[in-house]
Amino acid sequence: MGDDHSHSSRGSATKSWLDRIAAIFTAEPQDLSDLVEVINEAAMRKLIDNDTQSMLQGVLDVSKMRARDIMVPRSQMATINIDQSLEQMMPLLLENNHSRYPVVNEDKDHIEGILLVKDLLQHSLQGNTEWNLRDLLRPAVIIPESKRVDALLKEFRQKRYHMAIVVDEYGGVSGLITIEDILEQIVGEIEDEHDDEEDVDIKKMASHVYQVSALTPVDEFNESFGTSFDEEEAGTIGGIVLHAFGHMPEKGETIELQNLTFKVSKANSRRLVQLQVIRAKTAADTSALQKD
């Protein structure tokens, strides 16, 4: 009897939640706040797990985004010049490990096309000593900064291309966007076999140099470095650093906080990923070096 009542209660709760979803779609809400509320309530009731909640929230977020919001900015685009030889390209290809690259003529406003590394590899294996890079290029897909991200994802899937060049209202190149950039808004950071493993939050690289995950909790960072960053300001050291910058920093930017130098080692359009932290050398360190 008790069990029947328990099953009935759970069934009623589930039905009530489903009824609410049905009611929302039937009512055709003017904004997404009702959907967000239902998703959050479903997570609280353990009807969906946290990962599912995050993915659903990501889908809703993508529906409000424009290409300019998540594109790789022009300054961070890895490009190949149309006049480069295979030998000249190799350092760039090995450093970035991308599957495709925009090919430019003189500057990034003049896109000749998109080079797929697999096309280059196939051509190289054929043993051709004389070849023209233009013959390997795929057409570049050009989109405006205002392009809706959800519409772009649909085009990526339907037309089977993976990269688009983003231009501003004057036709100048603003950046690029890939299908992976969009999917990461939904499922989070996508790591591949070329990405560095980041299982360890804090890794010592040299006597005063550390590699630190931006997701390192503030209390853990404070304990390791003897700092006093406020946990109320942000939960992770990446949040602290981002707040201090006041903007989304690019790779290589530095800032000094509490006698530490923070250098951005890895970042994407949405968040910091990896930081290099450098301790200032103390008088004791200098004295020890002089004795040596």
C-alpha atoms as a PDB file:
ATOM      1  CA  MET A   1       0.000   0.000   0.000  1.00  0.00           C
ATOM      2  CA  GLY A   2       2.757   2.365   0.994  1.00  0.00           C
ATOM      3  CA  ASP A   3       4.728   1.452  -2.121  1.00  0.00           C
ATOM      4  CA  ASP A   4       1.719   2.089  -4.329  1.00  0.00           C
ATOM      5  CA  HIS A   5       1.325   5.503  -2.756  1.00  0.00           C
ATOM      6  CA  SER A   6       5.045   6.242  -3.276  1.00  0.00           C
ATOM      7  CA  HIS A   7       4.913   5.237  -6.949  1.00  0.00           C
ATOM      8  CA  SER A   8       1.778   7.315  -7.359  1.00  0.00           C
ATOM      9  CA  SER A   9       3.473  10.369  -5.842  1.00  0.00           C
ATOM     10  CA  ARG A  10       6.516  10.068  -8.077  1.00  0.00           C
ATOM     11  CA  GLY A  11       4.319   9.520 -11.110  1.00  0.00           C
ATOM     12  CA  SER A  12       2.249  12.576 -10.263  1.00  0.00           C
ATOM     13  CA  ALA A  13       5.370  14.695  -9.852  1.00  0.00           C
ATOM     14  CA  THR A  14       6.735  13.560 -13.215  1.00  0.00           C
ATOM     15  CA  LYS A  15       3.387  14.069 -14.898  1.00  0.00           C
ATOM     16  CA  SER A  16       3.101  17.518 -13.341  1.00  0.00           C
ATOM     17  CA  TRP A  17       6.506  18.483 -14.706  1.00  0.00           C
ATOM     18  CA  LEU A  18       5.673  17.152 -18.176  1.00  0.00           C
ATOM     19  CA  ASP A  19       2.338  18.963 -18.050  1.00  0.00           C
ATOM     20  CA  ARG A  20       4.205  22.193 -17.342  1.00  0.00           C
ATOM     21  CA  ILE A  21       6.459  21.667 -20.355  1.00  0.00           C
ATOM     22  CA  ALA A  22       3.435  20.922 -22.538  1.00  0.00           C
ATOM     23  CA  ALA A  23       1.685  24.011 -21.229  1.00  0.00           C
ATOM     24  CA  ILE A  24       4.673  26.205 -22.027  1.00  0.00           C
ATOM     25  CA  PHE A  25       4.900  25.002 -25.620  1.00  0.00           C
ATOM     26  CA  THR A  26       1.125  25.237 -26.045  1.00  0.00           C
ATOM     27  CA  ALA A  27       1.157  28.803 -24.747  1.00  0.00           C
ATOM     28  CA  GLU A  28       3.985  29.788 -27.137  1.00  0.00           C
ATOM     29  CA  PRO A  29       5.965  31.903 -24.634  1.00  0.00           C
ATOM     30  CA  GLN A  30       7.474  35.152 -25.838  1.00  0.00           C
ATOM     31  CA  ASP A  31      10.813  34.559 -24.105  1.00  0.00           C
ATOM     32  CA  LEU A  32      12.956  31.688 -22.827  1.00  0.00           C
ATOM     33  CA  SER A  33      12.643  32.391 -19.116  1.00  0.00           C
ATOM     34  CA  ASP A  34       9.853  29.822 -18.657  1.00  0.00           C
ATOM     35  CA  LEU A  35      11.912  27.130 -20.372  1.00  0.00           C
ATOM     36  CA  VAL A  36      14.938  27.943 -18.229  1.00  0.00           C
ATOM     37  CA  GLU A  37      12.779  27.691 -15.115  1.00  0.00           C
ATOM     38  CA  VAL A  38      11.471  24.260 -16.119  1.00  0.00           C
ATOM     39  CA  ILE A  39      14.968  22.977 -16.946  1.00  0.00           C
ATOM     40  CA  ASN A  40      16.318  24.180 -13.605  1.00  0.00           C
ATOM     41  CA  GLU A  41      13.394  22.632 -11.748  1.00  0.00           C
ATOM     42  CA  ALA A  42      13.895  19.332 -13.583  1.00  0.00           C
ATOM     43  CA  ALA A  43      17.530  19.310 -12.467  1.00  0.00           C
ATOM     44  CA  MET A  44      16.525  20.074  -8.881  1.00  0.00           C
ATOM     45  CA  ARG A  45      14.090  17.161  -8.941  1.00  0.00           C
ATOM     46  CA  LYS A  46      16.839  14.891 -10.358  1.00  0.00           C
ATOM     47  CA  LEU A  47      14.770  14.260 -13.490  1.00  0.00           C
ATOM     48  CA  ILE A  48      17.823  15.282 -15.522  1.00  0.00           C
ATOM     49  CA  ASP A  49      21.480  15.317 -14.482  1.00  0.00           C
ATOM     50  CA  ASN A  50      23.741  18.371 -14.341  1.00  0.00           C
ATOM     51  CA  ASP A  51      25.375  17.628 -17.697  1.00  0.00           C
ATOM     52  CA  THR A  52      21.997  17.460 -19.406  1.00  0.00           C
ATOM     53  CA  GLN A  53      20.961  20.695 -17.716  1.00  0.00           C
ATOM     54  CA  SER A  54      24.120  22.415 -18.976  1.00  0.00           C
ATOM     55  CA  MET A  55      23.591  21.123 -22.503  1.00  0.00           C
ATOM     56  CA  LEU A  56      19.970  22.272 -22.584  1.00  0.00           C
ATOM     57  CA  GLN A  57      21.042  25.672 -21.285  1.00  0.00           C
ATOM     58  CA  GLY A  58      23.721  25.723 -23.984  1.00  0.00           C
ATOM     59  CA  VAL A  59      21.129  25.061 -26.680  1.00  0.00           C
ATOM     60  CA  LEU A  60      19.030  27.971 -25.394  1.00  0.00           C
ATOM     61  CA  ASP A  61      22.100  30.226 -25.244  1.00  0.00           C
ATOM     62  CA  VAL A  62      23.070  29.372 -28.832  1.00  0.00           C
ATOM     63  CA  SER A  63      19.622  30.401 -30.026  1.00  0.00           C
ATOM     64  CA  LYS A  64      20.391  33.954 -28.836  1.00  0.00           C
ATOM     65  CA  MET A  65      23.951  34.226 -30.178  1.00  0.00           C
ATOM     66  CA  ARG A  66      25.371  35.864 -33.281  1.00  0.00           C
ATOM     67  CA  ALA A  67      28.552  34.883 -35.106  1.00  0.00           C
ATOM     68  CA  ARG A  68      30.423  37.833 -33.590  1.00  0.00           C
ATOM     69  CA  ASP A  69      29.789  36.440 -30.091  1.00  0.00           C
ATOM     70  CA  ILE A  70      31.779  33.220 -30.500  1.00  0.00           C
ATOM     71  CA  MET A  71      34.052  33.714 -33.510  1.00  0.00           C
ATOM     72  CA  VAL A  72      37.817  33.346 -33.297  1.00  0.00           C
ATOM     73  CA  PRO A  73      38.924  36.996 -33.657  1.00  0.00           C
ATOM     74  CA  ARG A  74      41.009  38.099 -36.624  1.00  0.00           C
ATOM     75  CA  SER A  75      44.116  38.570 -34.451  1.00  0.00           C
ATOM     76  CA  GLN A  76      44.006  34.890 -33.392  1.00  0.00           C
ATOM     77  CA  MET A  77      43.394  33.407 -36.850  1.00  0.00           C
ATOM     78  CA  ALA A  78      46.111  31.005 -38.007  1.00  0.00           C
ATOM     79  CA  THR A  79      46.448  31.568 -41.749  1.00  0.00           C
ATOM     80  CA  ILE A  80      48.657  30.424 -44.630  1.00  0.00           C
ATOM     81  CA  ASN A  81      49.947  32.807 -47.291  1.00  0.00           C
ATOM     82  CA  ILE A  82      49.215  31.802 -50.860  1.00  0.00           C
ATOM     83  CA  ASP A  83      52.912  32.168 -51.764  1.00  0.00           C
ATOM     84  CA  GLN A  84      54.225  29.868 -49.022  1.00  0.00           C
ATOM     85  CA  SER A  85      55.940  26.607 -49.897  1.00  0.00           C
ATOM     86  CA  LEU A  86      55.192  23.347 -48.109  1.00  0.00           C
ATOM     87  CA  GLU A  87      58.389  23.723 -46.089  1.00  0.00           C
ATOM     88  CA  GLN A  88      57.330  27.219 -44.992  1.00  0.00           C
ATOM     89  CA  MET A  89      53.871  25.978 -43.971  1.00  0.00           C
ATOM     90  CA  MET A  90      55.030  23.066 -41.839  1.00  0.00           C
ATOM     91  CA  PRO A  91      55.915  25.002 -38.633  1.00  0.00           C
ATOM     92  CA  LEU A  92      52.439  26.588 -38.615  1.00  0.00           C
ATOM     93  CA  LEU A  93      50.702  23.270 -39.287  1.00  0.00           C
ATOM     94  CA  LEU A  94      52.634  21.484 -36.539  1.00  0.00           C
ATOM     95  CA  GLU A  95      52.118  24.272 -33.997  1.00  0.00           C
ATOM     96  CA  ASN A  96      48.352  24.626 -34.425  1.00  0.00           C
ATOM     97  CA  ASN A  97      47.206  21.114 -35.379  1.00  0.00           C
ATOM     98  CA  HIS A  98      44.083  22.406 -37.131  1.00  0.00           C
ATOM     99  CA  SER A  99      42.396  20.390 -39.862  1.00  0.00           C
ATOM    100  CA  ARG A 100      41.802  23.415 -42.120  1.00  0.00           C
ATOM    101  CA  TYR A 101      43.301  26.879 -42.608  1.00  0.00           C
ATOM    102  CA  PRO A 102      42.255  30.068 -44.396  1.00  0.00           C
ATOM    103  CA  VAL A 103      44.717  30.911 -47.174  1.00  0.00           C
ATOM    104  CA  VAL A 104      45.324  34.637 -47.632  1.00  0.00           C
ATOM    105  CA  ASN A 105      46.929  36.862 -50.239  1.00  0.00           C
ATOM    106  CA  GLU A 106      49.053  39.556 -48.534  1.00  0.00           C
ATOM    107  CA  ASP A 107      46.702  40.103 -45.569  1.00  0.00           C
ATOM    108  CA  LYS A 108      43.690  38.588 -43.799  1.00  0.00           C
ATOM    109  CA  ASP A 109      41.206  40.757 -45.704  1.00  0.00           C
ATOM    110  CA  HIS A 110      42.061  38.873 -48.899  1.00  0.00           C
ATOM    111  CA  ILE A 111      40.960  35.261 -48.426  1.00  0.00           C
ATOM    112  CA  GLU A 112      41.846  33.031 -51.371  1.00  0.00           C
ATOM    113  CA  GLY A 113      40.114  29.927 -50.001  1.00  0.00           C
ATOM    114  CA  ILE A 114      40.307  27.197 -47.362  1.00  0.00           C
ATOM    115  CA  LEU A 115      43.043  24.570 -47.295  1.00  0.00           C
ATOM    116  CA  LEU A 116      42.190  21.166 -45.819  1.00  0.00           C
ATOM    117  CA  VAL A 117      45.270  19.495 -44.379  1.00  0.00           C
ATOM    118  CA  LYS A 118      44.071  16.125 -45.694  1.00  0.00           C
ATOM    119  CA  ASP A 119      44.105  17.537 -49.250  1.00  0.00           C
ATOM    120  CA  LEU A 120      47.639  18.816 -48.749  1.00  0.00           C
ATOM    121  CA  LEU A 121      48.761  15.485 -47.317  1.00  0.00           C
ATOM    122  CA  GLN A 122      47.208  13.494 -50.155  1.00  0.00           C
ATOM    123  CA  HIS A 123      48.861  15.739 -52.743  1.00  0.00           C
ATOM    124  CA  SER A 124      52.246  15.502 -50.995  1.00  0.00           C
ATOM    125  CA  LEU A 125      52.100  11.709 -50.902  1.00  0.00           C
ATOM    126  CA  GLN A 126      51.660  11.625 -54.673  1.00  0.00           C
ATOM    127  CA  GLY A 127      55.235  12.882 -54.984  1.00  0.00           C
ATOM    128  CA  ASN A 128      54.449  15.968 -57.050  1.00  0.00           C
ATOM    129  CA  THR A 129      57.414  18.343 -56.909  1.00  0.00           C
ATOM    130  CA  GLU A 130      55.684  21.124 -58.821  1.00  0.00           C
ATOM    131  CA  TRP A 131      52.281  22.193 -57.608  1.00  0.00           C
ATOM    132  CA  ASN A 132      50.099  25.248 -57.164  1.00  0.00           C
ATOM    133  CA  LEU A 133      48.506  25.824 -53.764  1.00  0.00           C
ATOM    134  CA  ARG A 134      45.464  27.399 -55.425  1.00  0.00           C
ATOM    135  CA  ASP A 135      44.620  24.039 -56.989  1.00  0.00           C
ATOM    136  CA  LEU A 136      44.050  22.560 -53.507  1.00  0.00           C
ATOM    137  CA  LEU A 137      41.810  25.282 -52.089  1.00  0.00           C
ATOM    138  CA  ARG A 138      38.125  24.898 -51.260  1.00  0.00           C
ATOM    139  CA  PRO A 139      35.844  27.953 -51.601  1.00  0.00           C
ATOM    140  CA  ALA A 140      35.619  30.093 -48.463  1.00  0.00           C
ATOM    141  CA  VAL A 141      32.148  30.517 -46.970  1.00  0.00           C
ATOM    142  CA  ILE A 142      31.605  34.171 -46.024  1.00  0.00           C
ATOM    143  CA  ILE A 143      29.046  35.194 -43.389  1.00  0.00           C
ATOM    144  CA  PRO A 144      28.191  38.506 -41.661  1.00  0.00           C
ATOM    145  CA  GLU A 145      28.939  39.135 -37.988  1.00  0.00           C
ATOM    146  CA  SER A 146      25.185  39.284 -37.371  1.00  0.00           C
ATOM    147  CA  LYS A 147      24.558  35.719 -38.614  1.00  0.00           C
ATOM    148  CA  ARG A 148      22.525  33.726 -36.085  1.00  0.00           C
ATOM    149  CA  VAL A 149      24.583  30.876 -34.668  1.00  0.00           C
ATOM    150  CA  ASP A 150      21.703  28.372 -34.660  1.00  0.00           C
ATOM    151  CA  ALA A 151      21.038  29.091 -38.351  1.00  0.00           C
ATOM    152  CA  LEU A 152      24.746  28.718 -39.095  1.00  0.00           C
ATOM    153  CA  LEU A 153      24.871  25.342 -37.344  1.00  0.00           C
ATOM    154  CA  LYS A 154      22.000  24.172 -39.546  1.00  0.00           C
ATOM    155  CA  GLU A 155      23.904  25.325 -42.650  1.00  0.00           C
ATOM    156  CA  PHE A 156      27.065  23.583 -41.484  1.00  0.00           C
ATOM    157  CA  ARG A 157      25.140  20.317 -41.209  1.00  0.00           C
ATOM    158  CA  GLN A 158      23.147  20.655 -44.432  1.00  0.00           C
ATOM    159  CA  LYS A 159      25.966  21.878 -46.692  1.00  0.00           C
ATOM    160  CA  ARG A 160      28.682  19.777 -45.015  1.00  0.00           C
ATOM    161  CA  TYR A 161      31.270  22.480 -44.435  1.00  0.00           C
ATOM    162  CA  HIS A 162      33.002  23.148 -41.131  1.00  0.00           C
ATOM    163  CA  MET A 163      34.408  26.682 -41.281  1.00  0.00           C
ATOM    164  CA  ALA A 164      33.117  30.125 -42.215  1.00  0.00           C
ATOM    165  CA  ILE A 165      34.892  33.485 -42.515  1.00  0.00           C
ATOM    166  CA  VAL A 166      33.155  36.283 -40.609  1.00  0.00           C
ATOM    167  CA  VAL A 167      33.135  39.791 -42.121  1.00  0.00           C
ATOM    168  CA  ASP A 168      32.035  43.163 -40.774  1.00  0.00           C
ATOM    169  CA  GLU A 169      29.644  45.614 -42.408  1.00  0.00           C
ATOM    170  CA  TYR A 170      32.446  46.997 -44.596  1.00  0.00           C
ATOM    171  CA  GLY A 171      33.529  43.588 -45.872  1.00  0.00           C
ATOM    172  CA  GLY A 172      36.671  43.381 -43.750  1.00  0.00           C
ATOM    173  CA  VAL A 173      37.482  40.048 -42.114  1.00  0.00           C
ATOM    174  CA  SER A 174      36.529  40.029 -38.415  1.00  0.00           C
ATOM    175  CA  GLY A 175      37.381  36.416 -37.641  1.00  0.00           C
ATOM    176  CA  LEU A 176      36.353  32.859 -38.344  1.00  0.00           C
ATOM    177  CA  ILE A 177      33.966  30.349 -36.842  1.00  0.00           C
ATOM    178  CA  THR A 178      33.945  26.549 -36.995  1.00  0.00           C
ATOM    179  CA  ILE A 179      31.332  23.939 -36.239  1.00  0.00           C
ATOM    180  CA  GLU A 180      33.411  22.986 -33.187  1.00  0.00           C
ATOM    181  CA  ASP A 181      33.104  26.548 -31.837  1.00  0.00           C
ATOM    182  CA  ILE A 182      29.317  26.186 -31.939  1.00  0.00           C
ATOM    183  CA  LEU A 183      29.226  22.696 -30.432  1.00  0.00           C
ATOM    184  CA  GLU A 184      31.443  23.859 -27.559  1.00  0.00           C
ATOM    185  CA  GLN A 185      28.753  26.377 -26.619  1.00  0.00           C
ATOM    186  CA  ILE A 186      26.429  23.410 -26.070  1.00  0.00           C
ATOM    187  CA  VAL A 187      28.584  20.596 -24.702  1.00  0.00           C
ATOM    188  CA  GLY A 188      31.538  22.556 -23.302  1.00  0.00           C
ATOM    189  CA  GLU A 189      35.219  22.446 -24.218  1.00  0.00           C
ATOM    190  CA  ILE A 190      36.004  19.701 -26.739  1.00  0.00           C
ATOM    191  CA  GLU A 191      39.446  18.217 -26.162  1.00  0.00           C
ATOM    192  CA  ASP A 192      41.224  16.120 -28.782  1.00  0.00           C
ATOM    193  CA  GLU A 193      44.401  14.068 -28.935  1.00  0.00           C
ATOM    194  CA  HIS A 194      46.447  17.202 -29.598  1.00  0.00           C
ATOM    195  CA  ASP A 195      45.285  19.072 -26.490  1.00  0.00           C
ATOM    196  CA  ASP A 196      47.474  19.025 -23.414  1.00  0.00           C
ATOM    197  CA  GLU A 197      46.191  16.951 -20.541  1.00  0.00           C
ATOM    198  CA  GLU A 198      44.999  19.164 -17.712  1.00  0.00           C
ATOM    199  CA  ASP A 199      44.230  16.638 -14.985  1.00  0.00           C
ATOM    200  CA  VAL A 200      46.647  18.407 -12.618  1.00  0.00           C
ATOM    201  CA  ASP A 201      45.444  21.877 -11.613  1.00  0.00           C
ATOM    202  CA  ILE A 202      48.893  23.205 -10.684  1.00  0.00           C
ATOM    203  CA  LYS A 203      52.093  21.928 -12.277  1.00  0.00           C
ATOM    204  CA  LYS A 204      55.568  23.295 -11.538  1.00  0.00           C
ATOM    205  CA  MET A 205      57.495  23.950 -14.763  1.00  0.00           C
ATOM    206  CA  ALA A 206      60.603  25.706 -13.375  1.00  0.00           C
ATOM    207  CA  SER A 207      61.812  27.196 -10.095  1.00  0.00           C
ATOM    208  CA  HIS A 208      59.404  30.144 -10.283  1.00  0.00           C
ATOM    209  CA  VAL A 209      57.113  29.128 -13.149  1.00  0.00           C
ATOM    210  CA  TYR A 210      53.880  27.132 -12.863  1.00  0.00           C
ATOM    211  CA  GLN A 211      51.243  25.889 -15.283  1.00  0.00           C
ATOM    212  CA  VAL A 212      47.823  26.410 -13.720  1.00  0.00           C
ATOM    213  CA  SER A 213      44.388  25.353 -14.926  1.00  0.00           C
ATOM    214  CA  ALA A 214      42.023  28.327 -15.035  1.00  0.00           C
ATOM    215  CA  LEU A 215      39.439  26.105 -13.311  1.00  0.00           C
ATOM    216  CA  THR A 216      41.605  25.728 -10.186  1.00  0.00           C
ATOM    217  CA  PRO A 217      39.438  26.611  -7.152  1.00  0.00           C
ATOM    218  CA  VAL A 218      40.468  29.876  -5.500  1.00  0.00           C
ATOM    219  CA  ASP A 219      40.987  28.246  -2.092  1.00  0.00           C
ATOM    220  CA  GLU A 220      43.322  25.644  -3.619  1.00  0.00           C
ATOM    221  CA  PHE A 221      45.279  28.353  -5.427  1.00  0.00           C
ATOM    222  CA  ASN A 222      45.555  30.487  -2.277  1.00  0.00           C
ATOM    223  CA  GLU A 223      46.848  27.515  -0.314  1.00  0.00           C
ATOM    224  CA  SER A 224      49.462  26.688  -2.954  1.00  0.00           C
ATOM    225  CA  PHE A 225      50.732  30.224  -3.546  1.00  0.00           C
ATOM    226  CA  GLY A 226      50.089  31.909  -0.191  1.00  0.00           C
ATOM    227  CA  THR A 227      47.763  34.446  -1.786  1.00  0.00           C
ATOM    228  CA  SER A 228      44.531  35.905  -0.451  1.00  0.00           C
ATOM    229  CA  PHE A 229      42.213  36.106  -3.446  1.00  0.00           C
ATOM    230  CA  ASP A 230      38.565  36.499  -2.456  1.00  0.00           C
ATOM    231  CA  GLU A 231      36.416  33.405  -3.027  1.00  0.00           C
ATOM    232  CA  GLU A 232      33.358  35.656  -3.014  1.00  0.00           C
ATOM    233  CA  GLU A 233      34.657  37.434  -6.129  1.00  0.00           C
ATOM    234  CA  ALA A 234      35.023  34.224  -8.160  1.00  0.00           C
ATOM    235  CA  GLY A 235      35.132  30.487  -7.556  1.00  0.00           C
ATOM    236  CA  THR A 236      38.146  29.808  -9.789  1.00  0.00           C
ATOM    237  CA  ILE A 237      41.477  31.523 -10.357  1.00  0.00           C
ATOM    238  CA  GLY A 238      40.479  31.992 -13.993  1.00  0.00           C
ATOM    239  CA  GLY A 239      37.503  34.038 -12.832  1.00  0.00           C
ATOM    240  CA  ILE A 240      39.750  36.175 -10.618  1.00  0.00           C
ATOM    241  CA  VAL A 241      42.164  36.859 -13.482  1.00  0.00           C
ATOM    242  CA  LEU A 242      39.370  37.531 -15.984  1.00  0.00           C
ATOM    243  CA  HIS A 243      37.777  40.031 -13.593  1.00  0.00           C
ATOM    244  CA  ALA A 244      41.146  41.759 -13.138  1.00  0.00           C
ATOM    245  CA  PHE A 245      41.661  42.083 -16.900  1.00  0.00           C
ATOM    246  CA  GLY A 246      38.211  43.556 -17.385  1.00  0.00           C
ATOM    247  CA  HIS A 247      37.969  41.954 -20.839  1.00  0.00           C
ATOM    248  CA  MET A 248      38.485  38.570 -22.479  1.00  0.00           C
ATOM    249  CA  PRO A 249      42.293  38.457 -22.828  1.00  0.00           C
ATOM    250  CA  GLU A 250      44.086  36.860 -25.738  1.00  0.00           C
ATOM    251  CA  LYS A 251      46.858  34.299 -25.555  1.00  0.00           C
ATOM    252  CA  GLY A 252      50.086  35.929 -24.358  1.00  0.00           C
ATOM    253  CA  GLU A 253      48.499  38.794 -22.385  1.00  0.00           C
ATOM    254  CA  THR A 254      49.868  39.270 -18.863  1.00  0.00           C
ATOM    255  CA  ILE A 255      48.744  40.895 -15.630  1.00  0.00           C
ATOM    256  CA  GLU A 256      50.318  41.212 -12.177  1.00  0.00           C
ATOM    257  CA  LEU A 257      48.286  40.359  -9.076  1.00  0.00           C
ATOM    258  CA  GLN A 258      49.557  39.903  -5.514  1.00  0.00           C
ATOM    259  CA  ASN A 259      53.233  39.640  -6.537  1.00  0.00           C
ATOM    260  CA  LEU A 260      52.432  37.035  -9.184  1.00  0.00           C
ATOM    261  CA  THR A 261      52.545  37.461 -12.948  1.00  0.00           C
ATOM    262  CA  PHE A 262      49.686  35.729 -14.773  1.00  0.00           C
ATOM    263  CA  LYS A 263      50.177  35.001 -18.472  1.00  0.00           C
ATOM    264  CA  VAL A 264      47.357  33.601 -20.602  1.00  0.00           C
ATOM    265  CA  SER A 265      48.634  30.334 -22.095  1.00  0.00           C
ATOM    266  CA  LYS A 266      45.378  29.086 -23.574  1.00  0.00           C
ATOM    267  CA  ALA A 267      41.981  30.700 -24.047  1.00  0.00           C
ATOM    268  CA  ASN A 268      39.018  30.558 -26.349  1.00  0.00           C
ATOM    269  CA  SER A 269      36.305  33.063 -27.192  1.00  0.00           C
ATOM    270  CA  ARG A 270      34.407  32.262 -23.999  1.00  0.00           C
ATOM    271  CA  ARG A 271      36.829  31.558 -21.171  1.00  0.00           C
ATOM    272  CA  LEU A 272      40.374  31.210 -19.954  1.00  0.00           C
ATOM    273  CA  VAL A 273      41.696  27.641 -20.108  1.00  0.00           C
ATOM    274  CA  GLN A 274      45.324  27.623 -18.987  1.00  0.00           C
ATOM    275  CA  LEU A 275      47.524  30.163 -17.189  1.00  0.00           C
ATOM    276  CA  GLN A 276      51.243  30.490 -16.636  1.00  0.00           C
ATOM    277  CA  VAL A 277      51.951  31.827 -13.156  1.00  0.00           C
ATOM    278  CA  ILE A 278      55.349  33.325 -12.374  1.00  0.00           C
ATOM    279  CA  ARG A 279      56.467  34.068  -8.830  1.00  0.00           C
ATOM    280  CA  ALA A 280      58.560  37.176  -8.261  1.00  0.00           C
ATOM    281  CA  LYS A 281      62.099  36.310  -7.226  1.00  0.00           C
ATOM    282  CA  THR A 282      62.732  37.204  -3.582  1.00  0.00           C
ATOM    283  CA  ALA A 283      65.831  38.700  -1.989  1.00  0.00           C
ATOM    284  CA  ALA A 284      66.598  35.253  -0.550  1.00  0.00           C
ATOM    285  CA  ASP A 285      66.554  33.771  -4.051  1.00  0.00           C
ATOM    286  CA  THR A 286      68.934  36.445  -5.315  1.00  0.00           C
ATOM    287  CA  SER A 287      71.283  35.870  -2.369  1.00  0.00           C
ATOM    288  CA  ALA A 288      71.312  32.120  -2.996  1.00  0.00           C
ATOM    289  CA  LEU A 289      72.139  32.654  -6.668  1.00  0.00           C
ATOM    290  CA  GLN A 290      75.021  34.952  -5.773  1.00  0.00           C
ATOM    291  CA  LYS A 291      76.465  32.301  -3.421  1.00  0.00           C
ATOM    292  CA  ASP A 292      76.269  29.709  -6.188  1.00  0.00           C
END
